[in-house]
PDB file of N, CA and C in Angstrom:
ATOM      1  N   MET A   1     120.309 123.401 101.023  1.00  0.00           N
ATOM      2  CA  MET A   1     120.116 122.724 102.285  1.00  0.00           C
ATOM      3  C   MET A   1     121.216 121.898 102.578  1.00  0.00           C
ATOM      4  N   ARG A   2     121.847 121.939 103.778  1.00  0.00           N
ATOM      5  CA  ARG A   2     123.053 121.168 104.209  1.00  0.00           C
ATOM      6  C   ARG A   2     122.804 119.840 104.794  1.00  0.00           C
ATOM      7  N   PHE A   3     123.528 118.911 104.560  1.00  0.00           N
ATOM      8  CA  PHE A   3     123.287 117.645 105.221  1.00  0.00           C
ATOM      9  C   PHE A   3     123.452 117.463 106.542  1.00  0.00           C
ATOM     10  N   GLY A   4     123.973 118.546 107.266  1.00  0.00           N
ATOM     11  CA  GLY A   4     124.147 118.673 108.644  1.00  0.00           C
ATOM     12  C   GLY A   4     122.774 119.112 109.348  1.00  0.00           C
ATOM     13  N   ASP A   5     121.970 119.928 108.500  1.00  0.00           N
ATOM     14  CA  ASP A   5     120.600 120.478 108.876  1.00  0.00           C
ATOM     15  C   ASP A   5     119.586 119.298 109.150  1.00  0.00           C
ATOM     16  N   PHE A   6     119.687 118.192 108.257  1.00  0.00           N
ATOM     17  CA  PHE A   6     118.877 116.961 108.224  1.00  0.00           C
ATOM     18  C   PHE A   6     118.946 116.504 109.614  1.00  0.00           C
ATOM     19  N   TRP A   7     120.396 116.014 109.940  1.00  0.00           N
ATOM     20  CA  TRP A   7     120.563 115.400 111.300  1.00  0.00           C
ATOM     21  C   TRP A   7     120.172 116.082 112.391  1.00  0.00           C
ATOM     22  N   ARG A   8     120.185 117.525 112.141  1.00  0.00           N
ATOM     23  CA  ARG A   8     120.127 118.581 113.331  1.00  0.00           C
ATOM     24  C   ARG A   8     118.572 118.366 113.528  1.00  0.00           C
ATOM     25  N   SER A   9     117.678 118.363 112.489  1.00  0.00           N
ATOM     26  CA  SER A   9     116.462 118.484 112.614  1.00  0.00           C
ATOM     27  C   SER A   9     115.909 117.031 113.048  1.00  0.00           C
ATOM     28  N   ALA A  10     116.677 115.768 112.837  1.00  0.00           N
ATOM     29  CA  ALA A  10     116.374 114.659 113.313  1.00  0.00           C
ATOM     30  C   ALA A  10     116.658 114.394 114.795  1.00  0.00           C
ATOM     31  N   MET A  11     117.652 115.004 115.314  1.00  0.00           N
ATOM     32  CA  MET A  11     118.140 114.827 116.650  1.00  0.00           C
ATOM     33  C   MET A  11     117.680 115.941 117.612  1.00  0.00           C
ATOM     34  N   ALA A  12     117.068 117.026 116.891  1.00  0.00           N
ATOM     35  CA  ALA A  12     116.760 118.092 117.871  1.00  0.00           C
ATOM     36  C   ALA A  12     115.625 117.893 119.091  1.00  0.00           C
ATOM     37  N   ASP A  13     114.577 117.040 118.716  1.00  0.00           N
ATOM     38  CA  ASP A  13     113.611 117.068 119.427  1.00  0.00           C
ATOM     39  C   ASP A  13     113.016 115.493 119.175  1.00  0.00           C
ATOM     40  N   ASN A  14     112.923 114.794 120.300  1.00  0.00           N
ATOM     41  CA  ASN A  14     112.118 113.474 120.183  1.00  0.00           C
ATOM     42  C   ASN A  14     110.717 113.388 120.009  1.00  0.00           C
ATOM     43  N   ILE A  15     110.022 114.500 120.284  1.00  0.00           N
ATOM     44  CA  ILE A  15     108.785 114.695 119.810  1.00  0.00           C
ATOM     45  C   ILE A  15     108.625 114.684 118.477  1.00  0.00           C
ATOM     46  N   TYR A  16     109.376 115.062 117.562  1.00  0.00           N
ATOM     47  CA  TYR A  16     109.338 115.050 115.991  1.00  0.00           C
ATOM     48  C   TYR A  16     110.038 113.685 115.442  1.00  0.00           C
ATOM     49  N   GLY A  17     110.252 112.740 116.418  1.00  0.00           N
ATOM     50  CA  GLY A  17     110.677 111.552 115.701  1.00  0.00           C
ATOM     51  C   GLY A  17     112.127 111.076 115.599  1.00  0.00           C
ATOM     52  N   ALA A  18     112.942 111.590 116.379  1.00  0.00           N
ATOM     53  CA  ALA A  18     114.557 111.345 116.277  1.00  0.00           C
ATOM     54  C   ALA A  18     114.609 109.801 116.243  1.00  0.00           C
ATOM     55  N   ARG A  19     114.008 109.179 117.231  1.00  0.00           N
ATOM     56  CA  ARG A  19     114.178 107.609 117.332  1.00  0.00           C
ATOM     57  C   ARG A  19     113.607 106.941 115.732  1.00  0.00           C
ATOM     58  N   PHE A  20     112.487 107.601 115.385  1.00  0.00           N
ATOM     59  CA  PHE A  20     112.254 107.178 114.068  1.00  0.00           C
ATOM     60  C   PHE A  20     113.120 107.238 113.092  1.00  0.00           C
ATOM     61  N   ILE A  21     113.564 108.481 112.983  1.00  0.00           N
ATOM     62  CA  ILE A  21     114.775 108.730 111.993  1.00  0.00           C
ATOM     63  C   ILE A  21     115.815 107.696 111.996  1.00  0.00           C
ATOM     64  N   MET A  22     116.445 107.453 113.307  1.00  0.00           N
ATOM     65  CA  MET A  22     117.584 106.705 113.587  1.00  0.00           C
ATOM     66  C   MET A  22     117.203 105.115 113.170  1.00  0.00           C
ATOM     67  N   GLY A  23     115.814 104.865 113.479  1.00  0.00           N
ATOM     68  CA  GLY A  23     115.477 103.469 113.256  1.00  0.00           C
ATOM     69  C   GLY A  23     115.388 103.294 111.735  1.00  0.00           C
ATOM     70  N   MET A  24     115.048 104.193 111.064  1.00  0.00           N
ATOM     71  CA  MET A  24     115.019 104.327 109.406  1.00  0.00           C
ATOM     72  C   MET A  24     116.424 104.048 108.885  1.00  0.00           C
ATOM     73  N   CYS A  25     117.399 104.447 109.689  1.00  0.00           N
ATOM     74  CA  CYS A  25     118.794 104.301 109.140  1.00  0.00           C
ATOM     75  C   CYS A  25     119.134 102.746 109.156  1.00  0.00           C
ATOM     76  N   LEU A  26     118.723 101.935 110.033  1.00  0.00           N
ATOM     77  CA  LEU A  26     118.915 100.710 110.333  1.00  0.00           C
ATOM     78  C   LEU A  26     117.906  99.869 109.666  1.00  0.00           C
ATOM     79  N   PHE A  27     116.764 100.143 109.373  1.00  0.00           N
ATOM     80  CA  PHE A  27     115.552  99.311 108.793  1.00  0.00           C
ATOM     81  C   PHE A  27     115.802  98.526 107.787  1.00  0.00           C
ATOM     82  N   TRP A  28     116.494  99.355 106.776  1.00  0.00           N
ATOM     83  CA  TRP A  28     116.456  98.895 105.430  1.00  0.00           C
ATOM     84  C   TRP A  28     117.618  97.664 105.280  1.00  0.00           C
ATOM     85  N   VAL A  29     118.275  97.449 106.086  1.00  0.00           N
ATOM     86  CA  VAL A  29     119.216  96.277 106.247  1.00  0.00           C
ATOM     87  C   VAL A  29     118.328  94.942 106.172  1.00  0.00           C
ATOM     88  N   PHE A  30     117.541  94.858 107.053  1.00  0.00           N
ATOM     89  CA  PHE A  30     116.695  93.605 107.304  1.00  0.00           C
ATOM     90  C   PHE A  30     115.916  93.170 105.856  1.00  0.00           C
ATOM     91  N   PRO A  31     115.264  94.160 105.179  1.00  0.00           N
ATOM     92  CA  PRO A  31     114.853  93.429 103.915  1.00  0.00           C
ATOM     93  C   PRO A  31     115.618  93.083 102.983  1.00  0.00           C
ATOM     94  N   LEU A  32     116.991  93.750 102.799  1.00  0.00           N
ATOM     95  CA  LEU A  32     117.913  93.504 101.846  1.00  0.00           C
ATOM     96  C   LEU A  32     118.303  91.885 102.353  1.00  0.00           C
ATOM     97  N   LEU A  33     118.607  91.744 103.804  1.00  0.00           N
ATOM     98  CA  LEU A  33     119.075  90.452 104.111  1.00  0.00           C
ATOM     99  C   LEU A  33     117.889  89.307 103.497  1.00  0.00           C
ATOM    100  N   LEU A  34     116.564  89.710 103.919  1.00  0.00           N
ATOM    101  CA  LEU A  34     115.617  88.629 103.521  1.00  0.00           C
ATOM    102  C   LEU A  34     115.396  88.539 101.956  1.00  0.00           C
ATOM    103  N   ILE A  35     115.815  89.565 101.156  1.00  0.00           N
ATOM    104  CA  ILE A  35     115.880  89.327  99.686  1.00  0.00           C
ATOM    105  C   ILE A  35     117.012  88.344  99.286  1.00  0.00           C
ATOM    106  N   ALA A  36     118.137  88.319  99.975  1.00  0.00           N
ATOM    107  CA  ALA A  36     119.244  87.581  99.898  1.00  0.00           C
ATOM    108  C   ALA A  36     118.827  86.236 100.117  1.00  0.00           C
ATOM    109  N   ILE A  37     118.336  86.058 101.343  1.00  0.00           N
ATOM    110  CA  ILE A  37     117.793  84.744 101.620  1.00  0.00           C
ATOM    111  C   ILE A  37     116.936  84.108 100.671  1.00  0.00           C
ATOM    112  N   GLY A  38     115.988  84.889 100.185  1.00  0.00           N
ATOM    113  CA  GLY A  38     114.809  84.398  99.212  1.00  0.00           C
ATOM    114  C   GLY A  38     115.591  84.075  97.991  1.00  0.00           C
ATOM    115  N   VAL A  39     116.528  84.696  97.430  1.00  0.00           N
ATOM    116  CA  VAL A  39     117.247  84.340  96.262  1.00  0.00           C
ATOM    117  C   VAL A  39     117.917  83.231  96.440  1.00  0.00           C
ATOM    118  N   MET A  40     118.750  82.953  97.486  1.00  0.00           N
ATOM    119  CA  MET A  40     119.678  81.853  97.650  1.00  0.00           C
ATOM    120  C   MET A  40     118.788  80.455  97.905  1.00  0.00           C
ATOM    121  N   SER A  41     117.660  80.785  98.782  1.00  0.00           N
ATOM    122  CA  SER A  41     117.008  79.340  98.945  1.00  0.00           C
ATOM    123  C   SER A  41     115.909  79.267  97.740  1.00  0.00           C
ATOM    124  N   ARG A  42     116.046  79.951  96.902  1.00  0.00           N
ATOM    125  CA  ARG A  42     115.049  79.781  95.717  1.00  0.00           C
ATOM    126  C   ARG A  42     113.507  79.822  96.117  1.00  0.00           C
ATOM    127  N   LYS A  43     113.270  80.596  96.810  1.00  0.00           N
ATOM    128  CA  LYS A  43     111.770  80.996  97.432  1.00  0.00           C
ATOM    129  C   LYS A  43     111.505  82.532  96.854  1.00  0.00           C
ATOM    130  N   PRO A  44     110.958  82.582  95.725  1.00  0.00           N
ATOM    131  CA  PRO A  44     110.723  84.100  95.232  1.00  0.00           C
ATOM    132  C   PRO A  44     109.904  84.922  96.028  1.00  0.00           C
ATOM    133  N   ALA A  45     108.932  84.248  96.789  1.00  0.00           N
ATOM    134  CA  ALA A  45     107.902  85.096  97.393  1.00  0.00           C
ATOM    135  C   ALA A  45     108.580  85.618  98.553  1.00  0.00           C
ATOM    136  N   ILE A  46     109.737  85.106  99.196  1.00  0.00           N
ATOM    137  CA  ILE A  46     110.342  85.931 100.245  1.00  0.00           C
ATOM    138  C   ILE A  46     110.863  87.166  99.626  1.00  0.00           C
ATOM    139  N   ALA A  47     111.570  86.809  98.615  1.00  0.00           N
ATOM    140  CA  ALA A  47     112.435  87.866  97.942  1.00  0.00           C
ATOM    141  C   ALA A  47     111.389  89.093  97.464  1.00  0.00           C
ATOM    142  N   TRP A  48     110.324  88.702  96.813  1.00  0.00           N
ATOM    143  CA  TRP A  48     109.260  89.753  96.601  1.00  0.00           C
ATOM    144  C   TRP A  48     108.715  90.586  97.479  1.00  0.00           C
ATOM    145  N   TRP A  49     108.480  89.858  98.701  1.00  0.00           N
ATOM    146  CA  TRP A  49     107.661  90.590  99.942  1.00  0.00           C
ATOM    147  C   TRP A  49     108.833  91.436 100.516  1.00  0.00           C
ATOM    148  N   ALA A  50     109.982  90.865 100.479  1.00  0.00           N
ATOM    149  CA  ALA A  50     110.916  91.761 101.212  1.00  0.00           C
ATOM    150  C   ALA A  50     111.353  92.854 100.260  1.00  0.00           C
ATOM    151  N   ALA A  51     110.935  93.019  98.798  1.00  0.00           N
ATOM    152  CA  ALA A  51     111.355  94.006  98.040  1.00  0.00           C
ATOM    153  C   ALA A  51     110.150  95.052  98.270  1.00  0.00           C
ATOM    154  N   VAL A  52     109.110  94.493  98.607  1.00  0.00           N
ATOM    155  CA  VAL A  52     107.848  95.597  99.063  1.00  0.00           C
ATOM    156  C   VAL A  52     108.213  96.151 100.080  1.00  0.00           C
ATOM    157  N   ALA A  53     108.717  95.643 101.226  1.00  0.00           N
ATOM    158  CA  ALA A  53     109.182  96.415 102.328  1.00  0.00           C
ATOM    159  C   ALA A  53     110.313  97.084 102.065  1.00  0.00           C
ATOM    160  N   GLU A  54     111.273  96.809 101.223  1.00  0.00           N
ATOM    161  CA  GLU A  54     112.243  97.929 100.961  1.00  0.00           C
ATOM    162  C   GLU A  54     111.703  98.791 100.316  1.00  0.00           C
ATOM    163  N   LEU A  55     110.771  98.845  99.247  1.00  0.00           N
ATOM    164  CA  LEU A  55     109.922  99.919  98.592  1.00  0.00           C
ATOM    165  C   LEU A  55     109.303 100.911  99.701  1.00  0.00           C
ATOM    166  N   GLY A  56     108.726 100.474 100.861  1.00  0.00           N
ATOM    167  CA  GLY A  56     108.258 101.241 101.606  1.00  0.00           C
ATOM    168  C   GLY A  56     109.354 101.942 102.340  1.00  0.00           C
ATOM    169  N   CYS A  57     110.495 101.397 102.513  1.00  0.00           N
ATOM    170  CA  CYS A  57     111.579 102.127 103.296  1.00  0.00           C
ATOM    171  C   CYS A  57     112.126 103.352 102.478  1.00  0.00           C
ATOM    172  N   VAL A  58     112.190 102.930 101.262  1.00  0.00           N
ATOM    173  CA  VAL A  58     112.608 104.116 100.040  1.00  0.00           C
ATOM    174  C   VAL A  58     111.662 105.083 100.163  1.00  0.00           C
ATOM    175  N   LEU A  59     110.226 104.883 100.001  1.00  0.00           N
ATOM    176  CA  LEU A  59     109.278 105.811 100.085  1.00  0.00           C
ATOM    177  C   LEU A  59     109.361 106.789 101.315  1.00  0.00           C
ATOM    178  N   ALA A  60     109.455 105.982 102.444  1.00  0.00           N
ATOM    179  CA  ALA A  60     109.532 106.887 103.671  1.00  0.00           C
ATOM    180  C   ALA A  60     110.765 107.733 103.676  1.00  0.00           C
ATOM    181  N   TRP A  61     111.813 107.381 103.171  1.00  0.00           N
ATOM    182  CA  TRP A  61     112.839 108.412 103.015  1.00  0.00           C
ATOM    183  C   TRP A  61     112.597 109.407 102.127  1.00  0.00           C
ATOM    184  N   ALA A  62     111.949 109.139 101.133  1.00  0.00           N
ATOM    185  CA  ALA A  62     111.536 110.201 100.225  1.00  0.00           C
ATOM    186  C   ALA A  62     110.538 111.172 100.833  1.00  0.00           C
ATOM    187  N   VAL A  63     109.756 110.724 101.622  1.00  0.00           N
ATOM    188  CA  VAL A  63     108.824 111.767 102.485  1.00  0.00           C
ATOM    189  C   VAL A  63     109.744 112.488 103.196  1.00  0.00           C
ATOM    190  N   MET A  64     110.486 111.985 104.035  1.00  0.00           N
ATOM    191  CA  MET A  64     111.517 112.745 104.922  1.00  0.00           C
ATOM    192  C   MET A  64     112.300 113.635 104.267  1.00  0.00           C
ATOM    193  N   LEU A  65     113.104 113.120 103.286  1.00  0.00           N
ATOM    194  CA  LEU A  65     113.990 114.152 102.566  1.00  0.00           C
ATOM    195  C   LEU A  65     113.100 115.150 101.899  1.00  0.00           C
ATOM    196  N   THR A  66     111.978 115.021 101.302  1.00  0.00           N
ATOM    197  CA  THR A  66     111.305 116.030 100.767  1.00  0.00           C
ATOM    198  C   THR A  66     110.723 116.937 101.622  1.00  0.00           C
ATOM    199  N   ARG A  67     110.398 116.677 102.905  1.00  0.00           N
ATOM    200  CA  ARG A  67     110.106 117.697 103.896  1.00  0.00           C
ATOM    201  C   ARG A  67     111.273 118.539 104.242  1.00  0.00           C
ATOM    202  N   HIS A  68     112.523 117.661 104.351  1.00  0.00           N
ATOM    203  CA  HIS A  68     113.632 118.357 104.751  1.00  0.00           C
ATOM    204  C   HIS A  68     114.076 119.357 103.801  1.00  0.00           C
ATOM    205  N   PHE A  69     114.089 119.134 102.487  1.00  0.00           N
ATOM    206  CA  PHE A  69     114.524 119.980 101.434  1.00  0.00           C
ATOM    207  C   PHE A  69     113.538 121.210 101.225  1.00  0.00           C
ATOM    208  N   ARG A  70     112.365 121.090 101.499  1.00  0.00           N
ATOM    209  CA  ARG A  70     111.387 122.280 101.415  1.00  0.00           C
ATOM    210  C   ARG A  70     111.431 123.157 102.604  1.00  0.00           C
ATOM    211  N   SER A  71     112.268 122.719 103.517  1.00  0.00           N
ATOM    212  CA  SER A  71     112.151 123.545 104.785  1.00  0.00           C
ATOM    213  C   SER A  71     113.114 124.548 104.551  1.00  0.00           C
ATOM    214  N   THR A  72     113.059 125.668 105.417  1.00  0.00           N
ATOM    215  CA  THR A  72     114.174 126.745 105.451  1.00  0.00           C
ATOM    216  C   THR A  72     115.347 126.450 106.137  1.00  0.00           C
ATOM    217  N   PRO A  73     116.497 126.924 105.698  1.00  0.00           N
ATOM    218  CA  PRO A  73     117.649 126.406 106.336  1.00  0.00           C
ATOM    219  C   PRO A  73     117.746 126.793 107.862  1.00  0.00           C
ATOM    220  N   GLY A  74     118.345 125.914 108.693  1.00  0.00           N
ATOM    221  CA  GLY A  74     118.646 126.089 109.875  1.00  0.00           C
ATOM    222  C   GLY A  74     117.259 126.092 110.819  1.00  0.00           C
ATOM    223  N   THR A  75     116.329 125.563 110.260  1.00  0.00           N
ATOM    224  CA  THR A  75     115.090 125.317 111.163  1.00  0.00           C
ATOM    225  C   THR A  75     114.876 123.743 111.372  1.00  0.00           C
ATOM    226  N   VAL A  76     114.107 123.565 112.531  1.00  0.00           N
ATOM    227  CA  VAL A  76     113.718 122.256 112.970  1.00  0.00           C
ATOM    228  C   VAL A  76     112.356 121.882 112.438  1.00  0.00           C
ATOM    229  N   VAL A  77     112.347 120.929 111.608  1.00  0.00           N
ATOM    230  CA  VAL A  77     111.267 120.425 110.952  1.00  0.00           C
ATOM    231  C   VAL A  77     110.881 118.977 111.394  1.00  0.00           C
ATOM    232  N   ASP A  78     109.408 118.944 111.494  1.00  0.00           N
ATOM    233  CA  ASP A  78     108.865 117.608 111.608  1.00  0.00           C
ATOM    234  C   ASP A  78     108.997 116.743 110.549  1.00  0.00           C
ATOM    235  N   LEU A  79     110.171 115.852 110.625  1.00  0.00           N
ATOM    236  CA  LEU A  79     110.395 114.910 109.379  1.00  0.00           C
ATOM    237  C   LEU A  79     109.566 113.862 109.475  1.00  0.00           C
ATOM    238  N   THR A  80     108.666 113.494 110.118  1.00  0.00           N
ATOM    239  CA  THR A  80     107.845 112.412 110.322  1.00  0.00           C
ATOM    240  C   THR A  80     106.370 112.727 110.355  1.00  0.00           C
ATOM    241  N   PRO A  81     105.853 113.258 109.251  1.00  0.00           N
ATOM    242  CA  PRO A  81     104.265 113.735 109.154  1.00  0.00           C
ATOM    243  C   PRO A  81     103.463 112.370 109.147  1.00  0.00           C
ATOM    244  N   THR A  82     102.444 112.367 109.929  1.00  0.00           N
ATOM    245  CA  THR A  82     101.796 111.198 109.923  1.00  0.00           C
ATOM    246  C   THR A  82     100.967 110.678 108.575  1.00  0.00           C
ATOM    247  N   VAL A  83     100.259 111.380 107.887  1.00  0.00           N
ATOM    248  CA  VAL A  83      99.540 111.174 106.673  1.00  0.00           C
ATOM    249  C   VAL A  83     100.372 110.697 105.569  1.00  0.00           C
ATOM    250  N   PRO A  84     101.412 111.421 105.267  1.00  0.00           N
ATOM    251  CA  PRO A  84     102.321 110.926 104.094  1.00  0.00           C
ATOM    252  C   PRO A  84     102.945 109.678 104.309  1.00  0.00           C
ATOM    253  N   LEU A  85     103.238 109.179 105.635  1.00  0.00           N
ATOM    254  CA  LEU A  85     103.839 108.151 105.883  1.00  0.00           C
ATOM    255  C   LEU A  85     102.965 106.719 106.081  1.00  0.00           C
ATOM    256  N   ILE A  86     101.803 106.978 105.861  1.00  0.00           N
ATOM    257  CA  ILE A  86     100.815 105.774 106.000  1.00  0.00           C
ATOM    258  C   ILE A  86     101.285 104.629 105.079  1.00  0.00           C
ATOM    259  N   VAL A  87     101.381 105.093 103.843  1.00  0.00           N
ATOM    260  CA  VAL A  87     101.450 104.186 102.773  1.00  0.00           C
ATOM    261  C   VAL A  87     102.880 103.500 102.810  1.00  0.00           C
ATOM    262  N   PRO A  88     103.843 104.232 103.051  1.00  0.00           N
ATOM    263  CA  PRO A  88     105.288 103.291 103.339  1.00  0.00           C
ATOM    264  C   PRO A  88     105.255 102.479 104.521  1.00  0.00           C
ATOM    265  N   ALA A  89     104.525 102.846 105.628  1.00  0.00           N
ATOM    266  CA  ALA A  89     104.489 102.123 106.871  1.00  0.00           C
ATOM    267  C   ALA A  89     103.760 101.033 106.478  1.00  0.00           C
ATOM    268  N   VAL A  90     102.658 100.922 105.746  1.00  0.00           N
ATOM    269  CA  VAL A  90     101.963  99.764 105.371  1.00  0.00           C
ATOM    270  C   VAL A  90     102.696  98.746 104.619  1.00  0.00           C
ATOM    271  N   LEU A  91     103.449  99.414 103.604  1.00  0.00           N
ATOM    272  CA  LEU A  91     104.123  98.544 102.896  1.00  0.00           C
ATOM    273  C   LEU A  91     105.245  97.785 103.564  1.00  0.00           C
ATOM    274  N   MET A  92     105.829  98.740 104.351  1.00  0.00           N
ATOM    275  CA  MET A  92     107.134  97.919 105.271  1.00  0.00           C
ATOM    276  C   MET A  92     106.685  96.733 106.314  1.00  0.00           C
ATOM    277  N   VAL A  93     105.642  97.043 107.003  1.00  0.00           N
ATOM    278  CA  VAL A  93     104.952  95.997 107.845  1.00  0.00           C
ATOM    279  C   VAL A  93     104.492  94.870 107.106  1.00  0.00           C
ATOM    280  N   ALA A  94     103.550  95.086 106.064  1.00  0.00           N
ATOM    281  CA  ALA A  94     103.157  94.108 105.331  1.00  0.00           C
ATOM    282  C   ALA A  94     104.153  93.297 104.523  1.00  0.00           C
ATOM    283  N   GLY A  95     105.090  93.958 103.924  1.00  0.00           N
ATOM    284  CA  GLY A  95     106.250  93.198 103.247  1.00  0.00           C
ATOM    285  C   GLY A  95     106.827  92.314 104.327  1.00  0.00           C
ATOM    286  N   LEU A  96     107.167  92.874 105.399  1.00  0.00           N
ATOM    287  CA  LEU A  96     108.075  92.025 106.295  1.00  0.00           C
ATOM    288  C   LEU A  96     107.094  90.789 106.881  1.00  0.00           C
ATOM    289  N   PHE A  97     105.984  91.294 107.324  1.00  0.00           N
ATOM    290  CA  PHE A  97     105.269  89.989 107.914  1.00  0.00           C
ATOM    291  C   PHE A  97     105.003  89.028 106.580  1.00  0.00           C
ATOM    292  N   ALA A  98     104.540  89.308 105.409  1.00  0.00           N
ATOM    293  CA  ALA A  98     104.376  88.445 104.440  1.00  0.00           C
ATOM    294  C   ALA A  98     105.688  87.656 104.073  1.00  0.00           C
ATOM    295  N   SER A  99     106.724  88.354 104.064  1.00  0.00           N
ATOM    296  CA  SER A  99     108.039  87.832 103.859  1.00  0.00           C
ATOM    297  C   SER A  99     108.307  86.650 104.787  1.00  0.00           C
ATOM    298  N   LEU A 100     108.145  86.949 106.019  1.00  0.00           N
ATOM    299  CA  LEU A 100     108.508  85.900 107.217  1.00  0.00           C
ATOM    300  C   LEU A 100     107.506  84.722 107.189  1.00  0.00           C
ATOM    301  N   TYR A 101     106.201  85.138 106.568  1.00  0.00           N
ATOM    302  CA  TYR A 101     105.184  84.128 106.692  1.00  0.00           C
ATOM    303  C   TYR A 101     105.471  83.242 105.423  1.00  0.00           C
ATOM    304  N   SER A 102     106.357  83.595 104.455  1.00  0.00           N
ATOM    305  CA  SER A 102     106.495  82.750 103.253  1.00  0.00           C
ATOM    306  C   SER A 102     107.541  81.937 103.594  1.00  0.00           C
ATOM    307  N   PHE A 103     108.224  81.973 104.735  1.00  0.00           N
ATOM    308  CA  PHE A 103     109.243  80.761 104.881  1.00  0.00           C
ATOM    309  C   PHE A 103     108.510  79.665 104.973  1.00  0.00           C
TER     310      PHE A 103
END
């Protein structure tokens, strides 16, 4: 499977979540920033909750890449299945809200 096929699947159709994929490319930066803020301000709760959000982001990428690598070459695949992304989404949202609440 080529790297270009992943982006072709992501950008081919907005119905299948191209905006979601592009958002996932940028989302992981904010939890890393919160981890750094938590470490520098010596508030471990901020860093731990941001790490939970980062774990959700990594799991979401794992789901999308697994779907991509299991697909046949050159096809457009739904990279954002609803059921497998429930747990990563809950981790990301809960981690961010709890981290921001820990300030």
